[in-house]
Amino acid sequence: MPPSPPPDGVLLPPNYPPPLPQIRDDLRDLAFTHSSFARPSSAPPKFEDPEGAVLDNNAPEFLSDAVLNLAVGVVLRRRYPRLRSGPLTELRSMLVNGERLADWAKMYGFDRALKVPGGANSTAVRTSTANLAGCFEAYVSGIFEEHGEEVGIRCAIDWVERLIAPYAAHYYTLVRARYLRPSLSPSPSSPSSEFVSRGYLARLNEVAPKRGHRHEWRQSCAGEGHDPAWIMTLVIDGGEHEIARQASTKKIAMEMAALEGLRVLRIDVPQF
């Protein structure tokens, strides 16, 4: 599956993406080993792997959460030193999420390198958003471990800066426009107030479980004081799809994300 085209407004430079930092073979092998390949006939252990077991990329993902968030945070502070913590957090959430990481993984061909067992489900496992994002995170962890703590984090930051630069510039423009627009209280006929009563969330909660889909929510708040900006992320089937939407209230953001969730799952959307 090819990577998605960049969002409208993202201008990718020639020879994008930047060269992938090389890591030694054992770290690379670990990053590209999915749990289903390491244990084709059993579930991963809940606590720790036994001595001598074939390891997978689950543990490196854990370390990468810290490394990746730090690297992106450092880059954003370098580029936008006067930006407040609210919009910085919002920018980072737009750059570090399952769909964005999975798309970068596909740009580097990680979907072809990921080791999964053969069979009818191999393509689905290999192209899963959650699995590709996990593979990308594990590779970032490998960059950190390859070079040691001080050099490793500098190497990760330098690469991440070139990787996220065109996306960060675009997202900065979007976030800036929203923060600087005049603050207006929603009128009864405004689009955001109408969204609250659409019923998309209720439809998702009713139909998705009947079709065998699981979903949960993550939340974060950008913006400050009297002008909050809630980011609600709909996580479907353990990360197969992650849909983030932002609004002035949690309810509106959830309705907006639920609408896209209905479309992704091909559930009929209520008509009003």
C-alpha atoms as a PDB file:
ATOM      1  CA  MET A   1       0.000   0.000   0.000  1.00  0.00           C
ATOM      2  CA  PRO A   2       1.614   3.316  -1.056  1.00  0.00           C
ATOM      3  CA  PRO A   3       1.876   6.201   1.421  1.00  0.00           C
ATOM      4  CA  SER A   4      -0.992   8.655   1.478  1.00  0.00           C
ATOM      5  CA  PRO A   5      -0.445  11.890  -0.418  1.00  0.00           C
ATOM      6  CA  PRO A   6       0.573  14.753   1.878  1.00  0.00           C
ATOM      7  CA  PRO A   7      -2.240  16.964   3.191  1.00  0.00           C
ATOM      8  CA  ASP A   8      -3.147  19.931   1.016  1.00  0.00           C
ATOM      9  CA  GLY A   9      -0.655  22.688   1.740  1.00  0.00           C
ATOM     10  CA  VAL A  10       2.296  20.436   2.658  1.00  0.00           C
ATOM     11  CA  LEU A  11       5.120  21.066   0.205  1.00  0.00           C
ATOM     12  CA  LEU A  12       7.610  18.193   0.245  1.00  0.00           C
ATOM     13  CA  PRO A  13      11.131  19.093  -0.886  1.00  0.00           C
ATOM     14  CA  PRO A  14      13.013  17.082  -3.521  1.00  0.00           C
ATOM     15  CA  ASN A  15      14.486  13.803  -2.287  1.00  0.00           C
ATOM     16  CA  TYR A  16      11.987  13.576   0.565  1.00  0.00           C
ATOM     17  CA  PRO A  17      12.012  11.720   2.938  1.00  0.00           C
ATOM     18  CA  PRO A  18      15.514  12.359   4.305  1.00  0.00           C
ATOM     19  CA  PRO A  19      17.944   9.423   4.444  1.00  0.00           C
ATOM     20  CA  LEU A  20      17.094   6.904   7.127  1.00  0.00           C
ATOM     21  CA  PRO A  21      19.782   6.690   9.842  1.00  0.00           C
ATOM     22  CA  GLN A  22      21.357   3.259   9.768  1.00  0.00           C
ATOM     23  CA  ILE A  23      21.307   0.987  12.791  1.00  0.00           C
ATOM     24  CA  ARG A  24      23.077  -2.296  13.396  1.00  0.00           C
ATOM     25  CA  ASP A  25      21.521  -5.543  12.238  1.00  0.00           C
ATOM     26  CA  ASP A  26      20.245  -6.794  15.606  1.00  0.00           C
ATOM     27  CA  LEU A  27      18.390  -3.534  16.322  1.00  0.00           C
ATOM     28  CA  ARG A  28      16.997  -3.439  12.797  1.00  0.00           C
ATOM     29  CA  ASP A  29      15.859  -7.047  13.066  1.00  0.00           C
ATOM     30  CA  LEU A  30      14.116  -6.287  16.350  1.00  0.00           C
ATOM     31  CA  ALA A  31      12.360  -3.216  14.950  1.00  0.00           C
ATOM     32  CA  PHE A  32      10.946  -5.203  12.010  1.00  0.00           C
ATOM     33  CA  THR A  33       9.771  -8.270  13.976  1.00  0.00           C
ATOM     34  CA  HIS A  34       6.051  -8.269  14.710  1.00  0.00           C
ATOM     35  CA  SER A  35       4.797 -10.270  17.688  1.00  0.00           C
ATOM     36  CA  SER A  36       2.816 -12.587  15.394  1.00  0.00           C
ATOM     37  CA  PHE A  37       6.072 -13.580  13.664  1.00  0.00           C
ATOM     38  CA  ALA A  38       7.975 -14.096  16.920  1.00  0.00           C
ATOM     39  CA  ARG A  39       5.169 -16.278  18.295  1.00  0.00           C
ATOM     40  CA  PRO A  40       3.053 -17.541  15.387  1.00  0.00           C
ATOM     41  CA  SER A  41       1.102 -19.998  17.543  1.00  0.00           C
ATOM     42  CA  SER A  42       0.775 -18.202  20.891  1.00  0.00           C
ATOM     43  CA  ALA A  43      -0.096 -14.832  22.360  1.00  0.00           C
ATOM     44  CA  PRO A  44       2.688 -12.561  23.679  1.00  0.00           C
ATOM     45  CA  PRO A  45       3.394 -12.966  27.409  1.00  0.00           C
ATOM     46  CA  LYS A  46       1.759 -10.377  29.642  1.00  0.00           C
ATOM     47  CA  PHE A  47       4.778  -9.704  31.879  1.00  0.00           C
ATOM     48  CA  GLU A  48       8.138 -10.587  30.295  1.00  0.00           C
ATOM     49  CA  ASP A  49       9.627 -12.761  27.602  1.00  0.00           C
ATOM     50  CA  PRO A  50      11.235 -16.018  28.765  1.00  0.00           C
ATOM     51  CA  GLU A  51      14.969 -16.555  28.478  1.00  0.00           C
ATOM     52  CA  GLY A  52      15.985 -17.333  24.900  1.00  0.00           C
ATOM     53  CA  ALA A  53      12.680 -16.279  23.356  1.00  0.00           C
ATOM     54  CA  VAL A  54      12.503 -14.578  19.968  1.00  0.00           C
ATOM     55  CA  LEU A  55      11.901 -10.910  20.788  1.00  0.00           C
ATOM     56  CA  ASP A  56       9.626  -8.532  18.904  1.00  0.00           C
ATOM     57  CA  ASN A  57       9.317  -4.758  18.548  1.00  0.00           C
ATOM     58  CA  ASN A  58       6.954  -4.262  21.489  1.00  0.00           C
ATOM     59  CA  ALA A  59       9.558  -3.193  24.073  1.00  0.00           C
ATOM     60  CA  PRO A  60      11.443  -0.792  21.757  1.00  0.00           C
ATOM     61  CA  GLU A  61       8.111   0.968  21.120  1.00  0.00           C
ATOM     62  CA  PHE A  62       7.987   1.782  24.830  1.00  0.00           C
ATOM     63  CA  LEU A  63      11.357   3.565  24.763  1.00  0.00           C
ATOM     64  CA  SER A  64      10.542   5.338  21.522  1.00  0.00           C
ATOM     65  CA  ASP A  65       7.517   7.081  23.044  1.00  0.00           C
ATOM     66  CA  ALA A  66       9.918   9.132  25.140  1.00  0.00           C
ATOM     67  CA  VAL A  67      12.578   9.553  22.442  1.00  0.00           C
ATOM     68  CA  LEU A  68      10.148  10.601  19.705  1.00  0.00           C
ATOM     69  CA  ASN A  69       8.180  13.024  21.855  1.00  0.00           C
ATOM     70  CA  LEU A  70      11.413  14.593  23.104  1.00  0.00           C
ATOM     71  CA  ALA A  71      12.856  14.900  19.593  1.00  0.00           C
ATOM     72  CA  VAL A  72       9.703  16.471  18.163  1.00  0.00           C
ATOM     73  CA  GLY A  73       9.393  18.763  21.187  1.00  0.00           C
ATOM     74  CA  VAL A  74      12.989  19.980  20.790  1.00  0.00           C
ATOM     75  CA  VAL A  75      12.495  20.623  17.073  1.00  0.00           C
ATOM     76  CA  LEU A  76       9.283  22.582  17.634  1.00  0.00           C
ATOM     77  CA  ARG A  77      10.927  24.700  20.340  1.00  0.00           C
ATOM     78  CA  ARG A  78      13.839  25.427  17.998  1.00  0.00           C
ATOM     79  CA  ARG A  79      11.569  26.470  15.163  1.00  0.00           C
ATOM     80  CA  TYR A  80       8.921  28.327  17.150  1.00  0.00           C
ATOM     81  CA  PRO A  81      10.657  29.660  20.301  1.00  0.00           C
ATOM     82  CA  ARG A  82       7.863  32.131  21.140  1.00  0.00           C
ATOM     83  CA  LEU A  83       5.036  29.625  20.844  1.00  0.00           C
ATOM     84  CA  ARG A  84       3.018  28.899  23.998  1.00  0.00           C
ATOM     85  CA  SER A  85       2.681  25.424  25.495  1.00  0.00           C
ATOM     86  CA  GLY A  86      -0.919  24.964  24.272  1.00  0.00           C
ATOM     87  CA  PRO A  87      -0.243  25.279  20.548  1.00  0.00           C
ATOM     88  CA  LEU A  88       3.080  23.437  20.961  1.00  0.00           C
ATOM     89  CA  THR A  89       1.200  20.478  22.428  1.00  0.00           C
ATOM     90  CA  GLU A  90      -1.327  20.675  19.625  1.00  0.00           C
ATOM     91  CA  LEU A  91       1.385  20.705  16.948  1.00  0.00           C
ATOM     92  CA  ARG A  92       3.109  17.714  18.515  1.00  0.00           C
ATOM     93  CA  SER A  93      -0.133  15.737  18.606  1.00  0.00           C
ATOM     94  CA  MET A  94      -0.605  16.429  14.888  1.00  0.00           C
ATOM     95  CA  LEU A  95       2.896  15.111  14.162  1.00  0.00           C
ATOM     96  CA  VAL A  96       3.068  12.170  16.572  1.00  0.00           C
ATOM     97  CA  ASN A  97       0.014   9.982  15.988  1.00  0.00           C
ATOM     98  CA  GLY A  98      -0.605   6.565  14.513  1.00  0.00           C
ATOM     99  CA  GLU A  99      -1.631   7.625  11.021  1.00  0.00           C
ATOM    100  CA  ARG A 100       1.257  10.076  10.535  1.00  0.00           C
ATOM    101  CA  LEU A 101       3.879   7.627  11.831  1.00  0.00           C
ATOM    102  CA  ALA A 102       2.454   4.813   9.698  1.00  0.00           C
ATOM    103  CA  ASP A 103       2.609   6.995   6.612  1.00  0.00           C
ATOM    104  CA  TRP A 104       6.268   7.837   7.238  1.00  0.00           C
ATOM    105  CA  ALA A 105       6.903   4.130   7.752  1.00  0.00           C
ATOM    106  CA  LYS A 106       5.456   3.400   4.300  1.00  0.00           C
ATOM    107  CA  MET A 107       7.620   6.130   2.752  1.00  0.00           C
ATOM    108  CA  TYR A 108      10.675   4.210   3.982  1.00  0.00           C
ATOM    109  CA  GLY A 109       9.314   0.829   2.870  1.00  0.00           C
ATOM    110  CA  PHE A 110       8.799  -0.502   6.392  1.00  0.00           C
ATOM    111  CA  ASP A 111       5.631  -2.257   5.249  1.00  0.00           C
ATOM    112  CA  ARG A 112       7.773  -4.454   2.973  1.00  0.00           C
ATOM    113  CA  ALA A 113      10.413  -5.089   5.639  1.00  0.00           C
ATOM    114  CA  LEU A 114       8.070  -5.908   8.536  1.00  0.00           C
ATOM    115  CA  LYS A 115       8.312  -9.613   9.365  1.00  0.00           C
ATOM    116  CA  VAL A 116       4.912 -11.224   9.775  1.00  0.00           C
ATOM    117  CA  PRO A 117       3.822 -14.853   9.368  1.00  0.00           C
ATOM    118  CA  GLY A 118       2.577 -15.969   5.976  1.00  0.00           C
ATOM    119  CA  GLY A 119      -1.042 -16.742   5.332  1.00  0.00           C
ATOM    120  CA  ALA A 120      -4.282 -15.072   4.411  1.00  0.00           C
ATOM    121  CA  ASN A 121      -3.926 -12.304   6.995  1.00  0.00           C
ATOM    122  CA  SER A 122      -0.309 -11.364   6.259  1.00  0.00           C
ATOM    123  CA  THR A 123      -1.171  -8.338   4.105  1.00  0.00           C
ATOM    124  CA  ALA A 124      -3.621  -6.994   6.680  1.00  0.00           C
ATOM    125  CA  VAL A 125      -1.059  -7.375   9.467  1.00  0.00           C
ATOM    126  CA  ARG A 126       1.706  -5.812   7.376  1.00  0.00           C
ATOM    127  CA  THR A 127      -0.343  -2.763   6.341  1.00  0.00           C
ATOM    128  CA  SER A 128      -2.088  -2.134   9.663  1.00  0.00           C
ATOM    129  CA  THR A 129      -1.743   1.469  10.805  1.00  0.00           C
ATOM    130  CA  ALA A 130      -1.008   0.367  14.359  1.00  0.00           C
ATOM    131  CA  ASN A 131       1.646  -2.164  13.301  1.00  0.00           C
ATOM    132  CA  LEU A 132       3.412   0.252  10.965  1.00  0.00           C
ATOM    133  CA  ALA A 133       3.383   3.012  13.576  1.00  0.00           C
ATOM    134  CA  GLY A 134       4.823   0.543  16.099  1.00  0.00           C
ATOM    135  CA  CYS A 135       7.534  -0.482  13.647  1.00  0.00           C
ATOM    136  CA  PHE A 136       8.434   3.172  13.056  1.00  0.00           C
ATOM    137  CA  GLU A 137       8.630   3.808  16.795  1.00  0.00           C
ATOM    138  CA  ALA A 138      10.825   0.750  17.300  1.00  0.00           C
ATOM    139  CA  TYR A 139      13.209   1.988  14.605  1.00  0.00           C
ATOM    140  CA  VAL A 140      13.471   5.372  16.350  1.00  0.00           C
ATOM    141  CA  SER A 141      14.349   3.495  19.525  1.00  0.00           C
ATOM    142  CA  GLY A 142      17.025   1.649  17.549  1.00  0.00           C
ATOM    143  CA  ILE A 143      18.586   4.961  16.459  1.00  0.00           C
ATOM    144  CA  PHE A 144      18.789   6.016  20.098  1.00  0.00           C
ATOM    145  CA  GLU A 145      20.263   2.693  21.250  1.00  0.00           C
ATOM    146  CA  GLU A 146      22.711   2.466  18.352  1.00  0.00           C
ATOM    147  CA  HIS A 147      24.611   5.592  19.334  1.00  0.00           C
ATOM    148  CA  GLY A 148      24.211   5.722  23.119  1.00  0.00           C
ATOM    149  CA  GLU A 149      22.247   8.260  25.114  1.00  0.00           C
ATOM    150  CA  GLU A 150      23.895  11.593  24.278  1.00  0.00           C
ATOM    151  CA  VAL A 151      24.819  10.956  20.649  1.00  0.00           C
ATOM    152  CA  GLY A 152      21.686   8.864  20.066  1.00  0.00           C
ATOM    153  CA  ILE A 153      19.260  11.597  21.020  1.00  0.00           C
ATOM    154  CA  ARG A 154      21.155  14.157  18.912  1.00  0.00           C
ATOM    155  CA  CYS A 155      21.067  11.799  15.927  1.00  0.00           C
ATOM    156  CA  ALA A 156      17.325  11.233  16.399  1.00  0.00           C
ATOM    157  CA  ILE A 157      16.642  14.969  16.708  1.00  0.00           C
ATOM    158  CA  ASP A 158      18.636  15.845  13.573  1.00  0.00           C
ATOM    159  CA  TRP A 159      16.789  13.251  11.493  1.00  0.00           C
ATOM    160  CA  VAL A 160      13.365  14.040  12.969  1.00  0.00           C
ATOM    161  CA  GLU A 161      13.845  17.734  12.221  1.00  0.00           C
ATOM    162  CA  ARG A 162      14.313  17.065   8.503  1.00  0.00           C
ATOM    163  CA  LEU A 163      11.459  14.561   8.499  1.00  0.00           C
ATOM    164  CA  ILE A 164       8.809  16.710  10.161  1.00  0.00           C
ATOM    165  CA  ALA A 165       9.849  20.142   8.817  1.00  0.00           C
ATOM    166  CA  PRO A 166       7.374  20.436   5.893  1.00  0.00           C
ATOM    167  CA  TYR A 167       4.507  19.051   7.966  1.00  0.00           C
ATOM    168  CA  ALA A 168       5.314  21.234  10.981  1.00  0.00           C
ATOM    169  CA  ALA A 169       5.312  24.369   8.817  1.00  0.00           C
ATOM    170  CA  HIS A 170       1.894  23.495   7.394  1.00  0.00           C
ATOM    171  CA  TYR A 171       0.355  22.562  10.731  1.00  0.00           C
ATOM    172  CA  TYR A 172       1.785  25.723  12.313  1.00  0.00           C
ATOM    173  CA  THR A 173      -0.053  27.809   9.722  1.00  0.00           C
ATOM    174  CA  LEU A 174      -3.327  26.011  10.465  1.00  0.00           C
ATOM    175  CA  VAL A 175      -3.006  26.280  14.244  1.00  0.00           C
ATOM    176  CA  ARG A 176      -1.921  29.914  14.061  1.00  0.00           C
ATOM    177  CA  ALA A 177      -4.933  30.844  11.945  1.00  0.00           C
ATOM    178  CA  ARG A 178      -7.279  29.249  14.447  1.00  0.00           C
ATOM    179  CA  TYR A 179      -5.685  30.892  17.483  1.00  0.00           C
ATOM    180  CA  LEU A 180      -5.668  34.342  15.890  1.00  0.00           C
ATOM    181  CA  ARG A 181      -9.195  34.327  14.567  1.00  0.00           C
ATOM    182  CA  PRO A 182     -11.657  36.561  16.446  1.00  0.00           C
ATOM    183  CA  SER A 183     -13.271  34.832  19.416  1.00  0.00           C
ATOM    184  CA  LEU A 184     -16.988  34.521  18.782  1.00  0.00           C
ATOM    185  CA  SER A 185     -19.583  32.790  20.887  1.00  0.00           C
ATOM    186  CA  PRO A 186     -21.368  30.136  18.817  1.00  0.00           C
ATOM    187  CA  SER A 187     -24.787  31.231  17.664  1.00  0.00           C
ATOM    188  CA  PRO A 188     -27.648  28.725  17.505  1.00  0.00           C
ATOM    189  CA  SER A 189     -27.053  28.402  13.758  1.00  0.00           C
ATOM    190  CA  SER A 190     -23.249  28.140  13.837  1.00  0.00           C
ATOM    191  CA  PRO A 191     -21.696  24.936  12.391  1.00  0.00           C
ATOM    192  CA  SER A 192     -20.103  23.924  15.690  1.00  0.00           C
ATOM    193  CA  SER A 193     -23.312  24.216  17.708  1.00  0.00           C
ATOM    194  CA  GLU A 194     -25.208  22.248  15.065  1.00  0.00           C
ATOM    195  CA  PHE A 195     -22.582  19.496  15.264  1.00  0.00           C
ATOM    196  CA  VAL A 196     -23.481  18.762  18.901  1.00  0.00           C
ATOM    197  CA  SER A 197     -26.948  17.523  17.984  1.00  0.00           C
ATOM    198  CA  ARG A 198     -26.021  15.481  14.925  1.00  0.00           C
ATOM    199  CA  GLY A 199     -26.037  12.083  16.659  1.00  0.00           C
ATOM    200  CA  TYR A 200     -22.904  10.705  14.998  1.00  0.00           C
ATOM    201  CA  LEU A 201     -21.422   9.598  18.308  1.00  0.00           C
ATOM    202  CA  ALA A 202     -24.618   7.799  19.316  1.00  0.00           C
ATOM    203  CA  ARG A 203     -24.702   6.065  15.932  1.00  0.00           C
ATOM    204  CA  LEU A 204     -21.087   4.947  16.313  1.00  0.00           C
ATOM    205  CA  ASN A 205     -21.700   3.641  19.843  1.00  0.00           C
ATOM    206  CA  GLU A 206     -24.776   1.726  18.685  1.00  0.00           C
ATOM    207  CA  VAL A 207     -23.584   0.133  15.438  1.00  0.00           C
ATOM    208  CA  ALA A 208     -19.809  -0.312  15.651  1.00  0.00           C
ATOM    209  CA  PRO A 209     -19.873  -2.954  18.460  1.00  0.00           C
ATOM    210  CA  LYS A 210     -22.562  -4.925  16.608  1.00  0.00           C
ATOM    211  CA  ARG A 211     -20.168  -5.190  13.655  1.00  0.00           C
ATOM    212  CA  GLY A 212     -17.331  -6.401  15.831  1.00  0.00           C
ATOM    213  CA  HIS A 213     -15.421  -3.127  16.159  1.00  0.00           C
ATOM    214  CA  ARG A 214     -13.922  -1.799  19.388  1.00  0.00           C
ATOM    215  CA  HIS A 215     -13.319   1.879  19.986  1.00  0.00           C
ATOM    216  CA  GLU A 216     -12.009   4.103  22.730  1.00  0.00           C
ATOM    217  CA  TRP A 217     -11.088   7.752  23.203  1.00  0.00           C
ATOM    218  CA  ARG A 218      -7.971   9.732  24.068  1.00  0.00           C
ATOM    219  CA  GLN A 219      -8.136  13.387  24.941  1.00  0.00           C
ATOM    220  CA  SER A 220      -5.785  16.352  25.236  1.00  0.00           C
ATOM    221  CA  CYS A 221      -6.371  20.058  25.625  1.00  0.00           C
ATOM    222  CA  ALA A 222      -4.527  22.747  23.727  1.00  0.00           C
ATOM    223  CA  GLY A 223      -5.285  26.411  24.084  1.00  0.00           C
ATOM    224  CA  GLU A 224      -5.364  28.306  27.328  1.00  0.00           C
ATOM    225  CA  GLY A 225      -7.754  29.858  29.812  1.00  0.00           C
ATOM    226  CA  HIS A 226     -11.055  30.973  28.336  1.00  0.00           C
ATOM    227  CA  ASP A 227     -10.247  29.634  24.861  1.00  0.00           C
ATOM    228  CA  PRO A 228      -9.596  25.890  25.226  1.00  0.00           C
ATOM    229  CA  ALA A 229      -9.149  23.608  22.241  1.00  0.00           C
ATOM    230  CA  TRP A 230     -10.041  19.984  22.931  1.00  0.00           C
ATOM    231  CA  ILE A 231      -8.415  17.305  20.808  1.00  0.00           C
ATOM    232  CA  MET A 232     -10.374  14.061  20.938  1.00  0.00           C
ATOM    233  CA  THR A 233      -8.829  11.026  19.271  1.00  0.00           C
ATOM    234  CA  LEU A 234     -11.026   8.101  18.285  1.00  0.00           C
ATOM    235  CA  VAL A 235      -9.037   4.852  18.411  1.00  0.00           C
ATOM    236  CA  ILE A 236     -10.691   2.022  16.491  1.00  0.00           C
ATOM    237  CA  ASP A 237      -9.795  -1.662  16.854  1.00  0.00           C
ATOM    238  CA  GLY A 238      -6.754  -1.111  19.035  1.00  0.00           C
ATOM    239  CA  GLY A 239      -5.187   1.467  16.734  1.00  0.00           C
ATOM    240  CA  GLU A 240      -6.117   0.167  13.283  1.00  0.00           C
ATOM    241  CA  HIS A 241      -7.542   3.656  12.733  1.00  0.00           C
ATOM    242  CA  GLU A 242      -6.879   6.792  14.780  1.00  0.00           C
ATOM    243  CA  ILE A 243      -8.980   9.869  14.035  1.00  0.00           C
ATOM    244  CA  ALA A 244      -8.252  13.132  15.848  1.00  0.00           C
ATOM    245  CA  ARG A 245     -10.513  16.156  15.716  1.00  0.00           C
ATOM    246  CA  GLN A 246     -10.299  19.477  17.534  1.00  0.00           C
ATOM    247  CA  ALA A 247     -13.048  21.791  18.763  1.00  0.00           C
ATOM    248  CA  SER A 248     -13.926  24.173  21.568  1.00  0.00           C
ATOM    249  CA  THR A 249     -15.651  21.404  23.562  1.00  0.00           C
ATOM    250  CA  LYS A 250     -15.091  17.669  24.016  1.00  0.00           C
ATOM    251  CA  LYS A 251     -18.587  16.905  22.777  1.00  0.00           C
ATOM    252  CA  ILE A 252     -18.166  18.724  19.480  1.00  0.00           C
ATOM    253  CA  ALA A 253     -14.720  17.184  18.870  1.00  0.00           C
ATOM    254  CA  MET A 254     -16.111  13.706  19.579  1.00  0.00           C
ATOM    255  CA  GLU A 255     -19.021  14.228  17.191  1.00  0.00           C
ATOM    256  CA  MET A 256     -16.623  15.367  14.467  1.00  0.00           C
ATOM    257  CA  ALA A 257     -14.336  12.366  14.975  1.00  0.00           C
ATOM    258  CA  ALA A 258     -17.325  10.006  15.188  1.00  0.00           C
ATOM    259  CA  LEU A 259     -18.555  11.226  11.787  1.00  0.00           C
ATOM    260  CA  GLU A 260     -15.229  10.296  10.207  1.00  0.00           C
ATOM    261  CA  GLY A 261     -15.262   7.008  12.140  1.00  0.00           C
ATOM    262  CA  LEU A 262     -18.620   6.115  10.630  1.00  0.00           C
ATOM    263  CA  ARG A 263     -17.223   6.794   7.175  1.00  0.00           C
ATOM    264  CA  VAL A 264     -14.094   4.719   7.823  1.00  0.00           C
ATOM    265  CA  LEU A 265     -16.184   1.773   9.038  1.00  0.00           C
ATOM    266  CA  ARG A 266     -18.675   2.247   6.204  1.00  0.00           C
ATOM    267  CA  ILE A 267     -21.598   2.697   8.564  1.00  0.00           C
ATOM    268  CA  ASP A 268     -24.532   4.697   7.235  1.00  0.00           C
ATOM    269  CA  VAL A 269     -24.309   8.291   8.411  1.00  0.00           C
ATOM    270  CA  PRO A 270     -27.485   9.794   9.896  1.00  0.00           C
ATOM    271  CA  GLN A 271     -29.068  12.349   7.587  1.00  0.00           C
ATOM    272  CA  PHE A 272     -30.607  15.503   9.036  1.00  0.00           C
END
